[in-house]
PDB file of N, CA and C in Angstrom:
ATOM      1  N   MET A   1       8.520  -1.613 -10.693  1.00  0.00           N
ATOM      2  CA  MET A   1       8.339  -1.401  -9.270  1.00  0.00           C
ATOM      3  C   MET A   1       6.410  -1.279  -9.468  1.00  0.00           C
ATOM      4  N   VAL A   2       5.761  -1.446  -7.904  1.00  0.00           N
ATOM      5  CA  VAL A   2       4.433  -1.919  -8.013  1.00  0.00           C
ATOM      6  C   VAL A   2       3.616  -0.926  -6.908  1.00  0.00           C
ATOM      7  N   VAL A   3       2.517  -0.602  -6.604  1.00  0.00           N
ATOM      8  CA  VAL A   3       2.223  -0.347  -5.672  1.00  0.00           C
ATOM      9  C   VAL A   3       1.566  -1.226  -4.940  1.00  0.00           C
ATOM     10  N   GLY A   4       1.274  -1.753  -3.756  1.00  0.00           N
ATOM     11  CA  GLY A   4       0.878  -2.639  -3.269  1.00  0.00           C
ATOM     12  C   GLY A   4      -0.070  -2.126  -1.601  1.00  0.00           C
ATOM     13  N   ARG A   5      -1.252  -3.213  -1.455  1.00  0.00           N
ATOM     14  CA  ARG A   5      -1.982  -2.793   0.142  1.00  0.00           C
ATOM     15  C   ARG A   5      -0.728  -3.269   0.922  1.00  0.00           C
ATOM     16  N   GLN A   6      -0.449  -2.474   2.109  1.00  0.00           N
ATOM     17  CA  GLN A   6       0.492  -3.214   3.053  1.00  0.00           C
ATOM     18  C   GLN A   6      -0.421  -4.568   3.659  1.00  0.00           C
ATOM     19  N   ALA A   7      -1.815  -3.976   3.996  1.00  0.00           N
ATOM     20  CA  ALA A   7      -2.638  -5.135   5.031  1.00  0.00           C
ATOM     21  C   ALA A   7      -2.649  -6.680   3.703  1.00  0.00           C
ATOM     22  N   ALA A   8      -2.453  -6.469   3.004  1.00  0.00           N
ATOM     23  CA  ALA A   8      -2.406  -7.942   1.864  1.00  0.00           C
ATOM     24  C   ALA A   8      -1.099  -8.315   1.777  1.00  0.00           C
ATOM     25  N   ILE A   9       0.067  -7.233   1.663  1.00  0.00           N
ATOM     26  CA  ILE A   9       1.198  -7.676   1.540  1.00  0.00           C
ATOM     27  C   ILE A   9       1.095  -7.935   2.840  1.00  0.00           C
ATOM     28  N   ASP A  10       0.819  -7.757   4.328  1.00  0.00           N
ATOM     29  CA  ASP A  10       0.845  -8.499   5.661  1.00  0.00           C
ATOM     30  C   ASP A  10      -0.164  -9.925   5.617  1.00  0.00           C
ATOM     31  N   SER A  11      -0.631 -10.119   4.973  1.00  0.00           N
ATOM     32  CA  SER A  11      -1.735 -11.541   4.729  1.00  0.00           C
ATOM     33  C   SER A  11      -1.501 -12.514   5.084  1.00  0.00           C
ATOM     34  N   ALA A  12      -1.950 -13.890   5.249  1.00  0.00           N
ATOM     35  CA  ALA A  12      -1.498 -14.901   5.214  1.00  0.00           C
ATOM     36  C   ALA A  12      -1.373 -15.467   3.393  1.00  0.00           C
ATOM     37  N   PHE A  13      -2.500 -14.636   2.573  1.00  0.00           N
ATOM     38  CA  PHE A  13      -2.151 -14.817   1.692  1.00  0.00           C
ATOM     39  C   PHE A  13      -1.182 -14.860   0.794  1.00  0.00           C
ATOM     40  N   SER A  14      -0.853 -15.480  -0.064  1.00  0.00           N
ATOM     41  CA  SER A  14       0.365 -15.638  -0.914  1.00  0.00           C
ATOM     42  C   SER A  14       0.539 -14.923  -2.150  1.00  0.00           C
ATOM     43  N   THR A  15      -0.668 -14.189  -2.638  1.00  0.00           N
ATOM     44  CA  THR A  15      -0.283 -13.512  -3.311  1.00  0.00           C
ATOM     45  C   THR A  15      -1.311 -12.274  -3.470  1.00  0.00           C
ATOM     46  N   VAL A  16      -0.740 -11.005  -3.997  1.00  0.00           N
ATOM     47  CA  VAL A  16      -1.466  -9.543  -3.730  1.00  0.00           C
ATOM     48  C   VAL A  16      -1.585  -9.103  -5.010  1.00  0.00           C
ATOM     49  N   ILE A  17      -2.530  -8.015  -5.128  1.00  0.00           N
ATOM     50  CA  ILE A  17      -3.182  -7.697  -6.329  1.00  0.00           C
ATOM     51  C   ILE A  17      -1.595  -6.100  -6.376  1.00  0.00           C
ATOM     52  N   CYS A  18      -1.857  -5.944  -7.227  1.00  0.00           N
ATOM     53  CA  CYS A  18      -0.615  -4.672  -7.556  1.00  0.00           C
ATOM     54  C   CYS A  18      -0.857  -3.274  -8.702  1.00  0.00           C
ATOM     55  N   ALA A  19      -0.301  -2.726  -8.560  1.00  0.00           N
ATOM     56  CA  ALA A  19      -0.284  -1.158  -9.632  1.00  0.00           C
ATOM     57  C   ALA A  19       0.799  -1.501  -9.942  1.00  0.00           C
ATOM     58  N   PRO A  20       1.807  -1.404 -11.391  1.00  0.00           N
ATOM     59  CA  PRO A  20       3.094  -1.949 -11.571  1.00  0.00           C
ATOM     60  C   PRO A  20       2.979  -0.013 -11.824  1.00  0.00           C
ATOM     61  N   ILE A  21       4.253   0.293 -11.843  1.00  0.00           N
ATOM     62  CA  ILE A  21       5.091   1.429 -12.230  1.00  0.00           C
ATOM     63  C   ILE A  21       6.179   1.757 -13.539  1.00  0.00           C
ATOM     64  N   PHE A  22       5.714   2.386 -13.869  1.00  0.00           N
ATOM     65  CA  PHE A  22       6.574   2.709 -15.098  1.00  0.00           C
ATOM     66  C   PHE A  22       7.110   4.500 -15.484  1.00  0.00           C
ATOM     67  N   SER A  23       8.165   4.157 -15.849  1.00  0.00           N
ATOM     68  CA  SER A  23       8.912   5.180 -16.015  1.00  0.00           C
ATOM     69  C   SER A  23       8.312   6.621 -17.643  1.00  0.00           C
ATOM     70  N   ALA A  24       7.246   6.062 -17.986  1.00  0.00           N
ATOM     71  CA  ALA A  24       6.629   6.719 -19.347  1.00  0.00           C
ATOM     72  C   ALA A  24       4.981   6.464 -19.085  1.00  0.00           C
ATOM     73  N   GLY A  25       4.360   7.580 -19.182  1.00  0.00           N
ATOM     74  CA  GLY A  25       3.124   7.331 -19.101  1.00  0.00           C
ATOM     75  C   GLY A  25       2.272   8.049 -20.008  1.00  0.00           C
ATOM     76  N   LEU A  26       1.114   8.013 -20.139  1.00  0.00           N
ATOM     77  CA  LEU A  26       0.728   9.127 -21.534  1.00  0.00           C
ATOM     78  C   LEU A  26      -0.292  10.183 -20.578  1.00  0.00           C
ATOM     79  N   GLY A  27      -0.116  10.607 -19.282  1.00  0.00           N
ATOM     80  CA  GLY A  27      -1.430  11.611 -19.148  1.00  0.00           C
ATOM     81  C   GLY A  27      -3.237  10.663 -18.758  1.00  0.00           C
ATOM     82  N   MET A  28      -3.145   9.597 -18.900  1.00  0.00           N
ATOM     83  CA  MET A  28      -4.481   9.552 -18.879  1.00  0.00           C
ATOM     84  C   MET A  28      -5.170   8.758 -17.400  1.00  0.00           C
ATOM     85  N   ALA A  29      -6.815   9.255 -17.702  1.00  0.00           N
ATOM     86  CA  ALA A  29      -7.364   9.034 -16.568  1.00  0.00           C
ATOM     87  C   ALA A  29      -7.140   8.068 -15.523  1.00  0.00           C
ATOM     88  N   SER A  30      -6.839   7.025 -16.256  1.00  0.00           N
ATOM     89  CA  SER A  30      -6.163   5.755 -15.569  1.00  0.00           C
ATOM     90  C   SER A  30      -4.566   5.738 -14.921  1.00  0.00           C
ATOM     91  N   GLN A  31      -3.794   6.202 -14.968  1.00  0.00           N
ATOM     92  CA  GLN A  31      -2.739   6.941 -14.806  1.00  0.00           C
ATOM     93  C   GLN A  31      -2.430   7.669 -13.313  1.00  0.00           C
ATOM     94  N   VAL A  32      -1.564   7.770 -12.376  1.00  0.00           N
ATOM     95  CA  VAL A  32      -0.720   8.562 -11.192  1.00  0.00           C
ATOM     96  C   VAL A  32       0.001   8.819 -11.504  1.00  0.00           C
ATOM     97  N   ARG A  33       1.008  10.160 -11.566  1.00  0.00           N
ATOM     98  CA  ARG A  33       1.979  10.457 -11.438  1.00  0.00           C
ATOM     99  C   ARG A  33       2.893  10.587 -10.068  1.00  0.00           C
ATOM    100  N   VAL A  34       4.023   9.367 -10.295  1.00  0.00           N
ATOM    101  CA  VAL A  34       4.651   9.776  -9.453  1.00  0.00           C
ATOM    102  C   VAL A  34       6.215  10.227  -9.415  1.00  0.00           C
ATOM    103  N   GLY A  35       6.685   9.914  -8.526  1.00  0.00           N
ATOM    104  CA  GLY A  35       8.153  10.883  -8.610  1.00  0.00           C
ATOM    105  C   GLY A  35       8.994  10.971  -7.098  1.00  0.00           C
ATOM    106  N   PRO A  36      10.222  12.063  -7.144  1.00  0.00           N
ATOM    107  CA  PRO A  36      11.253  11.533  -6.022  1.00  0.00           C
ATOM    108  C   PRO A  36      10.615  12.248  -4.670  1.00  0.00           C
ATOM    109  N   ALA A  37       8.637  13.042  -4.904  1.00  0.00           N
ATOM    110  CA  ALA A  37       8.472  13.285  -3.245  1.00  0.00           C
ATOM    111  C   ALA A  37       7.703  11.842  -3.119  1.00  0.00           C
ATOM    112  N   GLU A  38       7.909  10.820  -3.838  1.00  0.00           N
ATOM    113  CA  GLU A  38       7.140   9.210  -3.054  1.00  0.00           C
ATOM    114  C   GLU A  38       8.556   8.290  -2.752  1.00  0.00           C
ATOM    115  N   GLY A  39       9.445   8.826  -3.437  1.00  0.00           N
ATOM    116  CA  GLY A  39      10.482   7.972  -2.754  1.00  0.00           C
ATOM    117  C   GLY A  39      11.383   7.321  -4.314  1.00  0.00           C
ATOM    118  N   LEU A  40      10.917   7.739  -5.658  1.00  0.00           N
ATOM    119  CA  LEU A  40      11.736   7.097  -6.746  1.00  0.00           C
ATOM    120  C   LEU A  40      12.606   7.932  -7.172  1.00  0.00           C
ATOM    121  N   LYS A  41      13.466   7.711  -8.059  1.00  0.00           N
ATOM    122  CA  LYS A  41      14.257   8.265  -8.413  1.00  0.00           C
ATOM    123  C   LYS A  41      14.183   9.396  -9.685  1.00  0.00           C
ATOM    124  N   HIS A  42      12.826   9.066 -10.036  1.00  0.00           N
ATOM    125  CA  HIS A  42      12.765   9.676 -11.143  1.00  0.00           C
ATOM    126  C   HIS A  42      11.108   9.943 -11.291  1.00  0.00           C
ATOM    127  N   ASP A  43      10.231  10.916 -12.451  1.00  0.00           N
ATOM    128  CA  ASP A  43       9.418  10.982 -12.360  1.00  0.00           C
ATOM    129  C   ASP A  43       8.409   9.405 -13.281  1.00  0.00           C
ATOM    130  N   SER A  44       7.392   8.982 -12.696  1.00  0.00           N
ATOM    131  CA  SER A  44       6.979   7.464 -12.953  1.00  0.00           C
ATOM    132  C   SER A  44       5.134   7.511 -13.153  1.00  0.00           C
ATOM    133  N   TRP A  45       4.817   6.213 -13.378  1.00  0.00           N
ATOM    134  CA  TRP A  45       3.313   6.407 -13.499  1.00  0.00           C
ATOM    135  C   TRP A  45       3.047   5.345 -13.011  1.00  0.00           C
ATOM    136  N   ILE A  46       1.880   5.468 -11.880  1.00  0.00           N
ATOM    137  CA  ILE A  46       1.248   3.894 -12.054  1.00  0.00           C
ATOM    138  C   ILE A  46      -0.156   4.147 -12.696  1.00  0.00           C
ATOM    139  N   LEU A  47       0.174   2.923 -13.043  1.00  0.00           N
ATOM    140  CA  LEU A  47      -0.902   2.377 -14.284  1.00  0.00           C
ATOM    141  C   LEU A  47      -1.673   1.563 -13.770  1.00  0.00           C
ATOM    142  N   CYS A  48      -2.972   2.102 -13.162  1.00  0.00           N
ATOM    143  CA  CYS A  48      -4.511   1.368 -12.783  1.00  0.00           C
ATOM    144  C   CYS A  48      -4.778   0.756 -13.849  1.00  0.00           C
ATOM    145  N   ASP A  49      -4.689   0.870 -14.888  1.00  0.00           N
ATOM    146  CA  ASP A  49      -5.944  -0.418 -15.896  1.00  0.00           C
ATOM    147  C   ASP A  49      -4.981  -1.698 -16.019  1.00  0.00           C
ATOM    148  N   GLY A  50      -3.291  -1.468 -15.056  1.00  0.00           N
ATOM    149  CA  GLY A  50      -2.337  -2.845 -16.014  1.00  0.00           C
ATOM    150  C   GLY A  50      -2.733  -3.734 -14.308  1.00  0.00           C
ATOM    151  N   LEU A  51      -3.515  -3.798 -13.750  1.00  0.00           N
ATOM    152  CA  LEU A  51      -3.481  -4.190 -12.053  1.00  0.00           C
ATOM    153  C   LEU A  51      -2.912  -5.748 -12.374  1.00  0.00           C
ATOM    154  N   VAL A  52      -2.038  -6.273 -11.844  1.00  0.00           N
ATOM    155  CA  VAL A  52      -1.443  -7.734 -11.865  1.00  0.00           C
ATOM    156  C   VAL A  52      -1.830  -8.196 -10.215  1.00  0.00           C
ATOM    157  N   SER A  53      -1.849  -9.663 -10.228  1.00  0.00           N
ATOM    158  CA  SER A  53      -1.505 -10.812  -9.373  1.00  0.00           C
ATOM    159  C   SER A  53      -0.132 -11.126  -8.903  1.00  0.00           C
ATOM    160  N   MET A  54       0.569 -10.647  -8.152  1.00  0.00           N
ATOM    161  CA  MET A  54       2.146 -10.780  -7.731  1.00  0.00           C
ATOM    162  C   MET A  54       2.224 -12.118  -6.691  1.00  0.00           C
ATOM    163  N   ASN A  55       3.153 -12.902  -6.704  1.00  0.00           N
ATOM    164  CA  ASN A  55       3.502 -13.686  -5.624  1.00  0.00           C
ATOM    165  C   ASN A  55       4.122 -12.666  -4.275  1.00  0.00           C
ATOM    166  N   LYS A  56       4.159 -12.660  -2.994  1.00  0.00           N
ATOM    167  CA  LYS A  56       4.585 -11.757  -2.468  1.00  0.00           C
ATOM    168  C   LYS A  56       6.331 -12.353  -2.520  1.00  0.00           C
ATOM    169  N   GLY A  57       6.737 -13.265  -2.616  1.00  0.00           N
ATOM    170  CA  GLY A  57       7.727 -13.584  -2.471  1.00  0.00           C
ATOM    171  C   GLY A  57       8.874 -12.537  -3.851  1.00  0.00           C
ATOM    172  N   GLU A  58       7.931 -11.879  -4.476  1.00  0.00           N
ATOM    173  CA  GLU A  58       8.483 -11.131  -5.381  1.00  0.00           C
ATOM    174  C   GLU A  58       8.937 -10.019  -5.526  1.00  0.00           C
ATOM    175  N   LEU A  59       7.875  -9.575  -4.097  1.00  0.00           N
ATOM    176  CA  LEU A  59       8.310  -7.882  -3.638  1.00  0.00           C
ATOM    177  C   LEU A  59       9.616  -8.101  -2.796  1.00  0.00           C
ATOM    178  N   ALA A  60      10.353  -7.556  -3.098  1.00  0.00           N
ATOM    179  CA  ALA A  60      11.373  -7.264  -2.659  1.00  0.00           C
ATOM    180  C   ALA A  60      11.909  -6.318  -1.510  1.00  0.00           C
ATOM    181  N   ASP A  61      12.283  -5.111  -2.555  1.00  0.00           N
ATOM    182  CA  ASP A  61      12.754  -3.822  -1.494  1.00  0.00           C
ATOM    183  C   ASP A  61      11.102  -2.773  -1.576  1.00  0.00           C
ATOM    184  N   TYR A  62      11.641  -2.074  -0.197  1.00  0.00           N
ATOM    185  CA  TYR A  62      10.594  -0.870  -0.333  1.00  0.00           C
ATOM    186  C   TYR A  62      11.278   0.055  -0.833  1.00  0.00           C
ATOM    187  N   ILE A  63      10.739   0.937  -1.085  1.00  0.00           N
ATOM    188  CA  ILE A  63      11.409   2.447  -2.176  1.00  0.00           C
ATOM    189  C   ILE A  63      10.577   3.119  -1.833  1.00  0.00           C
ATOM    190  N   GLY A  64       9.674   3.828  -1.826  1.00  0.00           N
ATOM    191  CA  GLY A  64       9.066   4.699  -1.329  1.00  0.00           C
ATOM    192  C   GLY A  64       7.769   4.638  -0.829  1.00  0.00           C
ATOM    193  N   GLY A  65       6.451   5.600  -0.622  1.00  0.00           N
ATOM    194  CA  GLY A  65       5.664   5.052  -0.174  1.00  0.00           C
ATOM    195  C   GLY A  65       4.413   6.983  -0.601  1.00  0.00           C
ATOM    196  N   LEU A  66       3.045   6.549  -0.899  1.00  0.00           N
ATOM    197  CA  LEU A  66       2.495   7.475  -0.966  1.00  0.00           C
ATOM    198  C   LEU A  66       1.936   8.841  -0.087  1.00  0.00           C
ATOM    199  N   SER A  67       1.965   9.863  -0.087  1.00  0.00           N
ATOM    200  CA  SER A  67       1.099  10.764   1.044  1.00  0.00           C
ATOM    201  C   SER A  67      -0.599  10.392   1.117  1.00  0.00           C
ATOM    202  N   PRO A  68      -0.910  11.082   1.839  1.00  0.00           N
ATOM    203  CA  PRO A  68      -2.103  11.129   2.356  1.00  0.00           C
ATOM    204  C   PRO A  68      -2.823  11.435   0.889  1.00  0.00           C
ATOM    205  N   GLU A  69      -2.260  12.587   0.678  1.00  0.00           N
ATOM    206  CA  GLU A  69      -3.138  13.408  -0.876  1.00  0.00           C
ATOM    207  C   GLU A  69      -3.164  12.132  -1.648  1.00  0.00           C
ATOM    208  N   LYS A  70      -1.715  11.612  -2.255  1.00  0.00           N
ATOM    209  CA  LYS A  70      -1.575  10.989  -3.449  1.00  0.00           C
ATOM    210  C   LYS A  70      -2.204   9.894  -3.336  1.00  0.00           C
ATOM    211  N   LEU A  71      -2.883   9.066  -1.866  1.00  0.00           N
ATOM    212  CA  LEU A  71      -3.217   7.998  -2.213  1.00  0.00           C
ATOM    213  C   LEU A  71      -4.375   8.256  -2.453  1.00  0.00           C
ATOM    214  N   ARG A  72      -5.383   9.311  -2.298  1.00  0.00           N
ATOM    215  CA  ARG A  72      -6.264   9.413  -2.306  1.00  0.00           C
ATOM    216  C   ARG A  72      -6.644   9.979  -3.537  1.00  0.00           C
ATOM    217  N   GLU A  73      -5.818  10.651  -4.488  1.00  0.00           N
ATOM    218  CA  GLU A  73      -5.804  10.339  -6.047  1.00  0.00           C
ATOM    219  C   GLU A  73      -5.508   9.185  -6.688  1.00  0.00           C
ATOM    220  N   LEU A  74      -4.822   8.126  -6.273  1.00  0.00           N
ATOM    221  CA  LEU A  74      -4.747   6.989  -6.333  1.00  0.00           C
ATOM    222  C   LEU A  74      -6.360   5.834  -6.148  1.00  0.00           C
ATOM    223  N   ASN A  75      -6.613   6.350  -5.282  1.00  0.00           N
ATOM    224  CA  ASN A  75      -7.754   5.376  -4.861  1.00  0.00           C
ATOM    225  C   ASN A  75      -8.993   6.150  -5.770  1.00  0.00           C
ATOM    226  N   GLN A  76      -9.085   6.794  -6.289  1.00  0.00           N
ATOM    227  CA  GLN A  76      -9.934   7.965  -7.510  1.00  0.00           C
ATOM    228  C   GLN A  76      -9.650   7.670  -8.810  1.00  0.00           C
ATOM    229  N   THR A  77      -8.253   7.160  -9.266  1.00  0.00           N
ATOM    230  CA  THR A  77      -7.889   6.733 -10.487  1.00  0.00           C
ATOM    231  C   THR A  77      -8.146   5.239 -10.368  1.00  0.00           C
ATOM    232  N   LEU A  78      -7.579   4.112  -9.516  1.00  0.00           N
ATOM    233  CA  LEU A  78      -8.665   3.170  -9.363  1.00  0.00           C
ATOM    234  C   LEU A  78     -10.857   3.037  -9.880  1.00  0.00           C
ATOM    235  N   ARG A  79     -10.764   4.060  -9.583  1.00  0.00           N
ATOM    236  CA  ARG A  79     -12.166   3.830  -9.488  1.00  0.00           C
ATOM    237  C   ARG A  79     -12.444   4.243 -10.703  1.00  0.00           C
ATOM    238  N   VAL A  80     -11.778   4.997 -11.371  1.00  0.00           N
ATOM    239  CA  VAL A  80     -12.111   5.439 -12.780  1.00  0.00           C
ATOM    240  C   VAL A  80     -11.603   3.831 -13.488  1.00  0.00           C
ATOM    241  N   ALA A  81     -10.493   3.083 -13.619  1.00  0.00           N
ATOM    242  CA  ALA A  81      -9.840   2.215 -13.994  1.00  0.00           C
ATOM    243  C   ALA A  81     -10.975   1.301 -13.778  1.00  0.00           C
ATOM    244  N   LEU A  82     -11.095   0.926 -13.007  1.00  0.00           N
ATOM    245  CA  LEU A  82     -12.022  -0.261 -12.859  1.00  0.00           C
ATOM    246  C   LEU A  82     -13.694  -0.107 -13.221  1.00  0.00           C
ATOM    247  N   ASP A  83     -13.697   1.448 -13.197  1.00  0.00           N
ATOM    248  CA  ASP A  83     -15.496   1.646 -13.257  1.00  0.00           C
ATOM    249  C   ASP A  83     -16.071   1.822 -12.656  1.00  0.00           C
ATOM    250  N   LEU A  84     -15.927   2.152 -11.359  1.00  0.00           N
ATOM    251  CA  LEU A  84     -16.813   2.127  -9.849  1.00  0.00           C
ATOM    252  C   LEU A  84     -16.672   3.007  -9.598  1.00  0.00           C
ATOM    253  N   PRO A  85     -18.533   3.582  -8.963  1.00  0.00           N
ATOM    254  CA  PRO A  85     -18.822   4.600  -8.892  1.00  0.00           C
ATOM    255  C   PRO A  85     -18.032   5.415  -7.635  1.00  0.00           C
TER     256      PRO A  85
END
């Protein structure tokens, strides 16, 4: 599973940058914990230090979404992972 930005998914570009989601994480500052509240079957981790470029055709099924609060947490975690101010 990946997290991607809807505007990029809807764009004319053939690829999007995504953050992979795994069922195991280390609780690092570059990881965000997600789970059933976001539509997943079990607790998982968004790995912001593992961003990947994916073809939009590989993004198949919509599974869940992030609340505004969780999206803010993800944004802050991306800043940490990418060493942005």
